[in-house]
mmCIF file of all heavy atoms, coordinates in Angstrom:
data_MODEL
# 
_entry.id   MODEL 
# 
loop_
_atom_site.group_PDB 
_atom_site.id 
_atom_site.type_symbol 
_atom_site.label_atom_id 
_atom_site.label_alt_id 
_atom_site.label_comp_id 
_atom_site.label_asym_id 
_atom_site.label_entity_id 
_atom_site.label_seq_id 
_atom_site.pdbx_PDB_ins_code 
_atom_site.Cartn_x 
_atom_site.Cartn_y 
_atom_site.Cartn_z 
_atom_site.occupancy 
_atom_site.B_iso_or_equiv 
_atom_site.pdbx_formal_charge 
_atom_site.auth_seq_id 
_atom_site.auth_comp_id 
_atom_site.auth_asym_id 
_atom_site.auth_atom_id 
_atom_site.pdbx_PDB_model_num 
ATOM 1   N N   . VAL A 1 1  ? 26.378 2.479   -20.770 1.00 0.00 ? 1  VAL A N   1 
ATOM 2   C CA  . VAL A 1 1  ? 25.838 3.008   -19.502 1.00 0.00 ? 1  VAL A CA  1 
ATOM 3   C C   . VAL A 1 1  ? 26.019 2.075   -18.321 1.00 0.00 ? 1  VAL A C   1 
ATOM 4   O O   . VAL A 1 1  ? 25.697 2.463   -17.182 1.00 0.00 ? 1  VAL A O   1 
ATOM 5   C CB  . VAL A 1 1  ? 24.357 3.380   -19.667 1.00 0.00 ? 1  VAL A CB  1 
ATOM 6   C CG1 . VAL A 1 1  ? 24.139 4.306   -20.824 1.00 0.00 ? 1  VAL A CG1 1 
ATOM 7   C CG2 . VAL A 1 1  ? 23.462 2.145   -19.805 1.00 0.00 ? 1  VAL A CG2 1 
ATOM 8   N N   . LEU A 1 2  ? 26.495 0.854   -18.532 1.00 0.00 ? 2  LEU A N   1 
ATOM 9   C CA  . LEU A 1 2  ? 26.614 -0.133  -17.450 1.00 0.00 ? 2  LEU A CA  1 
ATOM 10  C C   . LEU A 1 2  ? 28.040 -0.630  -17.303 1.00 0.00 ? 2  LEU A C   1 
ATOM 11  O O   . LEU A 1 2  ? 28.854 -0.528  -18.232 1.00 0.00 ? 2  LEU A O   1 
ATOM 12  C CB  . LEU A 1 2  ? 25.690 -1.316  -17.712 1.00 0.00 ? 2  LEU A CB  1 
ATOM 13  C CG  . LEU A 1 2  ? 24.187 -1.074  -17.774 1.00 0.00 ? 2  LEU A CG  1 
ATOM 14  C CD1 . LEU A 1 2  ? 23.449 -2.337  -18.262 1.00 0.00 ? 2  LEU A CD1 1 
ATOM 15  C CD2 . LEU A 1 2  ? 23.639 -0.619  -16.434 1.00 0.00 ? 2  LEU A CD2 1 
ATOM 16  N N   . GLN A 1 3  ? 28.298 -1.232  -16.154 1.00 0.00 ? 3  GLN A N   1 
ATOM 17  C CA  . GLN A 1 3  ? 29.507 -1.976  -15.907 1.00 0.00 ? 3  GLN A CA  1 
ATOM 18  C C   . GLN A 1 3  ? 29.120 -3.453  -15.741 1.00 0.00 ? 3  GLN A C   1 
ATOM 19  O O   . GLN A 1 3  ? 28.017 -3.766  -15.311 1.00 0.00 ? 3  GLN A O   1 
ATOM 20  C CB  . GLN A 1 3  ? 30.215 -1.499  -14.623 1.00 0.00 ? 3  GLN A CB  1 
ATOM 21  C CG  . GLN A 1 3  ? 30.727 -0.080  -14.689 1.00 0.00 ? 3  GLN A CG  1 
ATOM 22  C CD  . GLN A 1 3  ? 31.831 0.084   -15.739 1.00 0.00 ? 3  GLN A CD  1 
ATOM 23  O OE1 . GLN A 1 3  ? 32.684 -0.813  -15.876 1.00 0.00 ? 3  GLN A OE1 1 
ATOM 24  N NE2 . GLN A 1 3  ? 31.817 1.204   -16.420 1.00 0.00 ? 3  GLN A NE2 1 
ATOM 25  N N   . PRO A 1 4  ? 30.003 -4.392  -16.132 1.00 0.00 ? 4  PRO A N   1 
ATOM 26  C CA  . PRO A 1 4  ? 29.686 -5.797  -15.955 1.00 0.00 ? 4  PRO A CA  1 
ATOM 27  C C   . PRO A 1 4  ? 29.250 -6.079  -14.503 1.00 0.00 ? 4  PRO A C   1 
ATOM 28  O O   . PRO A 1 4  ? 29.854 -5.610  -13.557 1.00 0.00 ? 4  PRO A O   1 
ATOM 29  C CB  . PRO A 1 4  ? 30.997 -6.507  -16.276 1.00 0.00 ? 4  PRO A CB  1 
ATOM 30  C CG  . PRO A 1 4  ? 31.675 -5.590  -17.234 1.00 0.00 ? 4  PRO A CG  1 
ATOM 31  C CD  . PRO A 1 4  ? 31.324 -4.203  -16.781 1.00 0.00 ? 4  PRO A CD  1 
ATOM 32  N N   . GLY A 1 5  ? 28.154 -6.847  -14.381 1.00 0.00 ? 5  GLY A N   1 
ATOM 33  C CA  . GLY A 1 5  ? 27.637 -7.178  -13.050 1.00 0.00 ? 5  GLY A CA  1 
ATOM 34  C C   . GLY A 1 5  ? 26.594 -6.204  -12.536 1.00 0.00 ? 5  GLY A C   1 
ATOM 35  O O   . GLY A 1 5  ? 25.944 -6.485  -11.521 1.00 0.00 ? 5  GLY A O   1 
ATOM 36  N N   . ASP A 1 6  ? 26.383 -5.070  -13.217 1.00 0.00 ? 6  ASP A N   1 
ATOM 37  C CA  . ASP A 1 6  ? 25.353 -4.138  -12.780 1.00 0.00 ? 6  ASP A CA  1 
ATOM 38  C C   . ASP A 1 6  ? 23.963 -4.750  -12.883 1.00 0.00 ? 6  ASP A C   1 
ATOM 39  O O   . ASP A 1 6  ? 23.709 -5.527  -13.813 1.00 0.00 ? 6  ASP A O   1 
ATOM 40  C CB  . ASP A 1 6  ? 25.395 -2.857  -13.639 1.00 0.00 ? 6  ASP A CB  1 
ATOM 41  C CG  . ASP A 1 6  ? 26.429 -1.858  -13.169 1.00 0.00 ? 6  ASP A CG  1 
ATOM 42  O OD1 . ASP A 1 6  ? 27.013 -2.075  -12.091 1.00 0.00 ? 6  ASP A OD1 1 
ATOM 43  O OD2 . ASP A 1 6  ? 26.669 -0.864  -13.903 1.00 0.00 ? 6  ASP A OD2 1 
ATOM 44  N N   . PRO A 1 7  ? 23.085 -4.444  -11.942 1.00 0.00 ? 7  PRO A N   1 
ATOM 45  C CA  . PRO A 1 7  ? 21.719 -4.957  -12.026 1.00 0.00 ? 7  PRO A CA  1 
ATOM 46  C C   . PRO A 1 7  ? 20.882 -4.241  -13.072 1.00 0.00 ? 7  PRO A C   1 
ATOM 47  O O   . PRO A 1 7  ? 20.967 -3.017  -13.211 1.00 0.00 ? 7  PRO A O   1 
ATOM 48  C CB  . PRO A 1 7  ? 21.158 -4.735  -10.626 1.00 0.00 ? 7  PRO A CB  1 
ATOM 49  C CG  . PRO A 1 7  ? 21.952 -3.552  -10.102 1.00 0.00 ? 7  PRO A CG  1 
ATOM 50  C CD  . PRO A 1 7  ? 23.307 -3.656  -10.721 1.00 0.00 ? 7  PRO A CD  1 
ATOM 51  N N   . ILE A 1 8  ? 20.091 -4.986  -13.827 1.00 0.00 ? 8  ILE A N   1 
ATOM 52  C CA  . ILE A 1 8  ? 19.140 -4.430  -14.802 1.00 0.00 ? 8  ILE A CA  1 
ATOM 53  C C   . ILE A 1 8  ? 17.772 -5.048  -14.529 1.00 0.00 ? 8  ILE A C   1 
ATOM 54  O O   . ILE A 1 8  ? 17.659 -6.097  -13.911 1.00 0.00 ? 8  ILE A O   1 
ATOM 55  C CB  . ILE A 1 8  ? 19.582 -4.695  -16.251 1.00 0.00 ? 8  ILE A CB  1 
ATOM 56  C CG1 . ILE A 1 8  ? 19.636 -6.215  -16.547 1.00 0.00 ? 8  ILE A CG1 1 
ATOM 57  C CG2 . ILE A 1 8  ? 20.913 -4.050  -16.558 1.00 0.00 ? 8  ILE A CG2 1 
ATOM 58  C CD1 . ILE A 1 8  ? 19.947 -6.587  -17.992 1.00 0.00 ? 8  ILE A CD1 1 
ATOM 59  N N   . LEU A 1 9  ? 16.731 -4.385  -14.990 1.00 0.00 ? 9  LEU A N   1 
ATOM 60  C CA  . LEU A 1 9  ? 15.360 -4.856  -14.837 1.00 0.00 ? 9  LEU A CA  1 
ATOM 61  C C   . LEU A 1 9  ? 14.653 -4.810  -16.182 1.00 0.00 ? 9  LEU A C   1 
ATOM 62  O O   . LEU A 1 9  ? 14.481 -3.725  -16.747 1.00 0.00 ? 9  LEU A O   1 
ATOM 63  C CB  . LEU A 1 9  ? 14.614 -4.005  -13.802 1.00 0.00 ? 9  LEU A CB  1 
ATOM 64  C CG  . LEU A 1 9  ? 13.163 -4.380  -13.542 1.00 0.00 ? 9  LEU A CG  1 
ATOM 65  C CD1 . LEU A 1 9  ? 13.027 -5.794  -13.001 1.00 0.00 ? 9  LEU A CD1 1 
ATOM 66  C CD2 . LEU A 1 9  ? 12.521 -3.374  -12.556 1.00 0.00 ? 9  LEU A CD2 1 
ATOM 67  N N   . GLY A 1 10 ? 14.296 -5.982  -16.680 1.00 0.00 ? 10 GLY A N   1 
ATOM 68  C CA  . GLY A 1 10 ? 13.656 -6.056  -17.982 1.00 0.00 ? 10 GLY A CA  1 
ATOM 69  C C   . GLY A 1 10 ? 12.402 -6.902  -17.961 1.00 0.00 ? 10 GLY A C   1 
ATOM 70  O O   . GLY A 1 10 ? 12.065 -7.523  -16.946 1.00 0.00 ? 10 GLY A O   1 
ATOM 71  N N   . PHE A 1 11 ? 11.705 -6.938  -19.086 1.00 0.00 ? 11 PHE A N   1 
ATOM 72  C CA  . PHE A 1 11 ? 10.460 -7.703  -19.232 1.00 0.00 ? 11 PHE A CA  1 
ATOM 73  C C   . PHE A 1 11 ? 10.826 -9.168  -19.505 1.00 0.00 ? 11 PHE A C   1 
ATOM 74  O O   . PHE A 1 11 ? 11.577 -9.463  -20.419 1.00 0.00 ? 11 PHE A O   1 
ATOM 75  C CB  . PHE A 1 11 ? 9.658  -7.102  -20.395 1.00 0.00 ? 11 PHE A CB  1 
ATOM 76  C CG  . PHE A 1 11 ? 8.274  -7.646  -20.538 1.00 0.00 ? 11 PHE A CG  1 
ATOM 77  C CD1 . PHE A 1 11 ? 7.530  -8.052  -19.442 1.00 0.00 ? 11 PHE A CD1 1 
ATOM 78  C CD2 . PHE A 1 11 ? 7.680  -7.689  -21.779 1.00 0.00 ? 11 PHE A CD2 1 
ATOM 79  C CE1 . PHE A 1 11 ? 6.241  -8.527  -19.577 1.00 0.00 ? 11 PHE A CE1 1 
ATOM 80  C CE2 . PHE A 1 11 ? 6.376  -8.153  -21.937 1.00 0.00 ? 11 PHE A CE2 1 
ATOM 81  C CZ  . PHE A 1 11 ? 5.652  -8.570  -20.824 1.00 0.00 ? 11 PHE A CZ  1 
ATOM 82  N N   . ASP A 1 12 ? 10.277 -10.060 -18.721 1.00 0.00 ? 12 ASP A N   1 
ATOM 83  C CA  . ASP A 1 12 ? 10.600 -11.493 -18.787 1.00 0.00 ? 12 ASP A CA  1 
ATOM 84  C C   . ASP A 1 12 ? 10.342 -12.034 -20.197 1.00 0.00 ? 12 ASP A C   1 
ATOM 85  O O   . ASP A 1 12 ? 9.273  -11.847 -20.777 1.00 0.00 ? 12 ASP A O   1 
ATOM 86  C CB  . ASP A 1 12 ? 9.709  -12.241 -17.783 1.00 0.00 ? 12 ASP A CB  1 
ATOM 87  C CG  . ASP A 1 12 ? 10.176 -13.657 -17.528 1.00 0.00 ? 12 ASP A CG  1 
ATOM 88  O OD1 . ASP A 1 12 ? 10.609 -14.329 -18.481 1.00 0.00 ? 12 ASP A OD1 1 
ATOM 89  O OD2 . ASP A 1 12 ? 10.103 -14.128 -16.380 1.00 0.00 ? 12 ASP A OD2 1 
ATOM 90  N N   . LEU A 1 13 ? 11.338 -12.715 -20.751 1.00 0.00 ? 13 LEU A N   1 
ATOM 91  C CA  . LEU A 1 13 ? 11.236 -13.304 -22.094 1.00 0.00 ? 13 LEU A CA  1 
ATOM 92  C C   . LEU A 1 13 ? 10.038 -14.241 -22.195 1.00 0.00 ? 13 LEU A C   1 
ATOM 93  O O   . LEU A 1 13 ? 9.317  -14.241 -23.198 1.00 0.00 ? 13 LEU A O   1 
ATOM 94  C CB  . LEU A 1 13 ? 12.522 -14.035 -22.457 1.00 0.00 ? 13 LEU A CB  1 
ATOM 95  C CG  . LEU A 1 13 ? 12.534 -14.790 -23.777 1.00 0.00 ? 13 LEU A CG  1 
ATOM 96  C CD1 . LEU A 1 13 ? 12.419 -13.827 -24.955 1.00 0.00 ? 13 LEU A CD1 1 
ATOM 97  C CD2 . LEU A 1 13 ? 13.805 -15.622 -23.934 1.00 0.00 ? 13 LEU A CD2 1 
ATOM 98  N N   . SER A 1 14 ? 9.796  -15.045 -21.172 1.00 0.00 ? 14 SER A N   1 
ATOM 99  C CA  . SER A 1 14 ? 8.700  -16.010 -21.230 1.00 0.00 ? 14 SER A CA  1 
ATOM 100 C C   . SER A 1 14 ? 7.323  -15.336 -21.142 1.00 0.00 ? 14 SER A C   1 
ATOM 101 O O   . SER A 1 14 ? 6.299  -15.984 -21.397 1.00 0.00 ? 14 SER A O   1 
ATOM 102 C CB  . SER A 1 14 ? 8.840  -17.028 -20.103 1.00 0.00 ? 14 SER A CB  1 
ATOM 103 O OG  . SER A 1 14 ? 8.650  -16.423 -18.833 1.00 0.00 ? 14 SER A OG  1 
ATOM 104 N N   . HIS A 1 15 ? 7.315  -14.056 -20.808 1.00 0.00 ? 15 HIS A N   1 
ATOM 105 C CA  . HIS A 1 15 ? 6.042  -13.308 -20.752 1.00 0.00 ? 15 HIS A CA  1 
ATOM 106 C C   . HIS A 1 15 ? 5.872  -12.385 -21.985 1.00 0.00 ? 15 HIS A C   1 
ATOM 107 O O   . HIS A 1 15 ? 4.877  -11.691 -22.078 1.00 0.00 ? 15 HIS A O   1 
ATOM 108 C CB  . HIS A 1 15 ? 5.993  -12.465 -19.484 1.00 0.00 ? 15 HIS A CB  1 
ATOM 109 C CG  . HIS A 1 15 ? 5.740  -13.268 -18.241 1.00 0.00 ? 15 HIS A CG  1 
ATOM 110 N ND1 . HIS A 1 15 ? 5.075  -12.777 -17.143 1.00 0.00 ? 15 HIS A ND1 1 
ATOM 111 C CD2 . HIS A 1 15 ? 6.050  -14.562 -17.950 1.00 0.00 ? 15 HIS A CD2 1 
ATOM 112 C CE1 . HIS A 1 15 ? 5.004  -13.727 -16.214 1.00 0.00 ? 15 HIS A CE1 1 
ATOM 113 N NE2 . HIS A 1 15 ? 5.599  -14.803 -16.672 1.00 0.00 ? 15 HIS A NE2 1 
ATOM 114 N N   . GLY A 1 16 ? 6.852  -12.409 -22.873 1.00 0.00 ? 16 GLY A N   1 
ATOM 115 C CA  . GLY A 1 16 ? 6.741  -11.582 -24.079 1.00 0.00 ? 16 GLY A CA  1 
ATOM 116 C C   . GLY A 1 16 ? 7.893  -10.631 -24.267 1.00 0.00 ? 16 GLY A C   1 
ATOM 117 O O   . GLY A 1 16 ? 7.860  -9.783  -25.171 1.00 0.00 ? 16 GLY A O   1 
ATOM 118 N N   . GLY A 1 17 ? 8.937  -10.714 -23.445 1.00 0.00 ? 17 GLY A N   1 
ATOM 119 C CA  . GLY A 1 17 ? 10.079 -9.810  -23.577 1.00 0.00 ? 17 GLY A CA  1 
ATOM 120 C C   . GLY A 1 17 ? 10.994 -10.188 -24.715 1.00 0.00 ? 17 GLY A C   1 
ATOM 121 O O   . GLY A 1 17 ? 10.602 -10.912 -25.643 1.00 0.00 ? 17 GLY A O   1 
ATOM 122 N N   . HIS A 1 18 ? 12.247 -9.742  -24.667 1.00 0.00 ? 18 HIS A N   1 
ATOM 123 C CA  . HIS A 1 18 ? 13.208 -10.005 -25.741 1.00 0.00 ? 18 HIS A CA  1 
ATOM 124 C C   . HIS A 1 18 ? 14.478 -10.584 -25.162 1.00 0.00 ? 18 HIS A C   1 
ATOM 125 O O   . HIS A 1 18 ? 14.876 -10.303 -24.031 1.00 0.00 ? 18 HIS A O   1 
ATOM 126 C CB  . HIS A 1 18 ? 13.516 -8.718  -26.525 1.00 0.00 ? 18 HIS A CB  1 
ATOM 127 C CG  . HIS A 1 18 ? 14.267 -8.981  -27.784 1.00 0.00 ? 18 HIS A CG  1 
ATOM 128 N ND1 . HIS A 1 18 ? 15.642 -8.872  -27.858 1.00 0.00 ? 18 HIS A ND1 1 
ATOM 129 C CD2 . HIS A 1 18 ? 13.843 -9.353  -29.024 1.00 0.00 ? 18 HIS A CD2 1 
ATOM 130 C CE1 . HIS A 1 18 ? 16.042 -9.174  -29.102 1.00 0.00 ? 18 HIS A CE1 1 
ATOM 131 N NE2 . HIS A 1 18 ? 14.964 -9.452  -29.813 1.00 0.00 ? 18 HIS A NE2 1 
ATOM 132 N N   . LEU A 1 19 ? 15.140 -11.405 -25.957 1.00 0.00 ? 19 LEU A N   1 
ATOM 133 C CA  . LEU A 1 19 ? 16.383 -12.043 -25.552 1.00 0.00 ? 19 LEU A CA  1 
ATOM 134 C C   . LEU A 1 19 ? 17.406 -11.032 -24.986 1.00 0.00 ? 19 LEU A C   1 
ATOM 135 O O   . LEU A 1 19 ? 18.054 -11.288 -23.967 1.00 0.00 ? 19 LEU A O   1 
ATOM 136 C CB  . LEU A 1 19 ? 17.045 -12.747 -26.751 1.00 0.00 ? 19 LEU A CB  1 
ATOM 137 C CG  . LEU A 1 19 ? 16.577 -14.142 -27.105 1.00 0.00 ? 19 LEU A CG  1 
ATOM 138 C CD1 . LEU A 1 19 ? 17.158 -14.551 -28.441 1.00 0.00 ? 19 LEU A CD1 1 
ATOM 139 C CD2 . LEU A 1 19 ? 16.972 -15.148 -26.036 1.00 0.00 ? 19 LEU A CD2 1 
ATOM 140 N N   . SER A 1 20 ? 17.513 -9.879  -25.624 1.00 0.00 ? 20 SER A N   1 
ATOM 141 C CA  . SER A 1 20 ? 18.540 -8.905  -25.256 1.00 0.00 ? 20 SER A CA  1 
ATOM 142 C C   . SER A 1 20 ? 18.151 -8.053  -24.073 1.00 0.00 ? 20 SER A C   1 
ATOM 143 O O   . SER A 1 20 ? 18.822 -7.070  -23.777 1.00 0.00 ? 20 SER A O   1 
ATOM 144 C CB  . SER A 1 20 ? 18.900 -8.023  -26.448 1.00 0.00 ? 20 SER A CB  1 
ATOM 145 O OG  . SER A 1 20 ? 17.755 -7.287  -26.857 1.00 0.00 ? 20 SER A OG  1 
ATOM 146 N N   . HIS A 1 21 ? 17.080 -8.405  -23.361 1.00 0.00 ? 21 HIS A N   1 
ATOM 147 C CA  . HIS A 1 21 ? 16.659 -7.655  -22.175 1.00 0.00 ? 21 HIS A CA  1 
ATOM 148 C C   . HIS A 1 21 ? 17.003 -8.395  -20.890 1.00 0.00 ? 21 HIS A C   1 
ATOM 149 O O   . HIS A 1 21 ? 16.420 -8.112  -19.840 1.00 0.00 ? 21 HIS A O   1 
ATOM 150 C CB  . HIS A 1 21 ? 15.154 -7.369  -22.225 1.00 0.00 ? 21 HIS A CB  1 
ATOM 151 C CG  . HIS A 1 21 ? 14.718 -6.537  -23.376 1.00 0.00 ? 21 HIS A CG  1 
ATOM 152 N ND1 . HIS A 1 21 ? 13.405 -6.234  -23.640 1.00 0.00 ? 21 HIS A ND1 1 
ATOM 153 C CD2 . HIS A 1 21 ? 15.444 -5.924  -24.359 1.00 0.00 ? 21 HIS A CD2 1 
ATOM 154 C CE1 . HIS A 1 21 ? 13.324 -5.489  -24.729 1.00 0.00 ? 21 HIS A CE1 1 
ATOM 155 N NE2 . HIS A 1 21 ? 14.552 -5.288  -25.174 1.00 0.00 ? 21 HIS A NE2 1 
ATOM 156 N N   . GLY A 1 22 ? 17.930 -9.352  -20.969 1.00 0.00 ? 22 GLY A N   1 
ATOM 157 C CA  . GLY A 1 22 ? 18.395 -10.021 -19.760 1.00 0.00 ? 22 GLY A CA  1 
ATOM 158 C C   . GLY A 1 22 ? 18.292 -11.518 -19.772 1.00 0.00 ? 22 GLY A C   1 
ATOM 159 O O   . GLY A 1 22 ? 18.560 -12.156 -18.752 1.00 0.00 ? 22 GLY A O   1 
ATOM 160 N N   . SER A 1 23 ? 17.938 -12.130 -20.889 1.00 0.00 ? 23 SER A N   1 
ATOM 161 C CA  . SER A 1 23 ? 17.828 -13.592 -20.955 1.00 0.00 ? 23 SER A CA  1 
ATOM 162 C C   . SER A 1 23 ? 19.163 -14.241 -20.590 1.00 0.00 ? 23 SER A C   1 
ATOM 163 O O   . SER A 1 23 ? 20.228 -13.782 -20.998 1.00 0.00 ? 23 SER A O   1 
ATOM 164 C CB  . SER A 1 23 ? 17.394 -14.036 -22.354 1.00 0.00 ? 23 SER A CB  1 
ATOM 165 O OG  . SER A 1 23 ? 17.453 -15.441 -22.470 1.00 0.00 ? 23 SER A OG  1 
ATOM 166 N N   . SER A 1 24 ? 19.086 -15.344 -19.875 1.00 0.00 ? 24 SER A N   1 
ATOM 167 C CA  . SER A 1 24 ? 20.282 -16.019 -19.388 1.00 0.00 ? 24 SER A CA  1 
ATOM 168 C C   . SER A 1 24 ? 21.130 -16.579 -20.513 1.00 0.00 ? 24 SER A C   1 
ATOM 169 O O   . SER A 1 24 ? 22.338 -16.837 -20.324 1.00 0.00 ? 24 SER A O   1 
ATOM 170 C CB  . SER A 1 24 ? 19.899 -17.144 -18.420 1.00 0.00 ? 24 SER A CB  1 
ATOM 171 O OG  . SER A 1 24 ? 19.099 -18.125 -19.087 1.00 0.00 ? 24 SER A OG  1 
ATOM 172 N N   . VAL A 1 25 ? 20.549 -16.817 -21.692 1.00 0.00 ? 25 VAL A N   1 
ATOM 173 C CA  . VAL A 1 25 ? 21.321 -17.366 -22.808 1.00 0.00 ? 25 VAL A CA  1 
ATOM 174 C C   . VAL A 1 25 ? 21.904 -16.245 -23.691 1.00 0.00 ? 25 VAL A C   1 
ATOM 175 O O   . VAL A 1 25 ? 22.585 -16.555 -24.676 1.00 0.00 ? 25 VAL A O   1 
ATOM 176 C CB  . VAL A 1 25 ? 20.456 -18.293 -23.679 1.00 0.00 ? 25 VAL A CB  1 
ATOM 177 C CG1 . VAL A 1 25 ? 19.988 -19.479 -22.864 1.00 0.00 ? 25 VAL A CG1 1 
ATOM 178 C CG2 . VAL A 1 25 ? 19.273 -17.561 -24.281 1.00 0.00 ? 25 VAL A CG2 1 
# 
């Protein structure tokens, strides 16, 4: 559903989110 570089909005990993929701690593 996305193209590289598209903006996404996820739950912050440090607040309880998941790696695959936008973590920089």
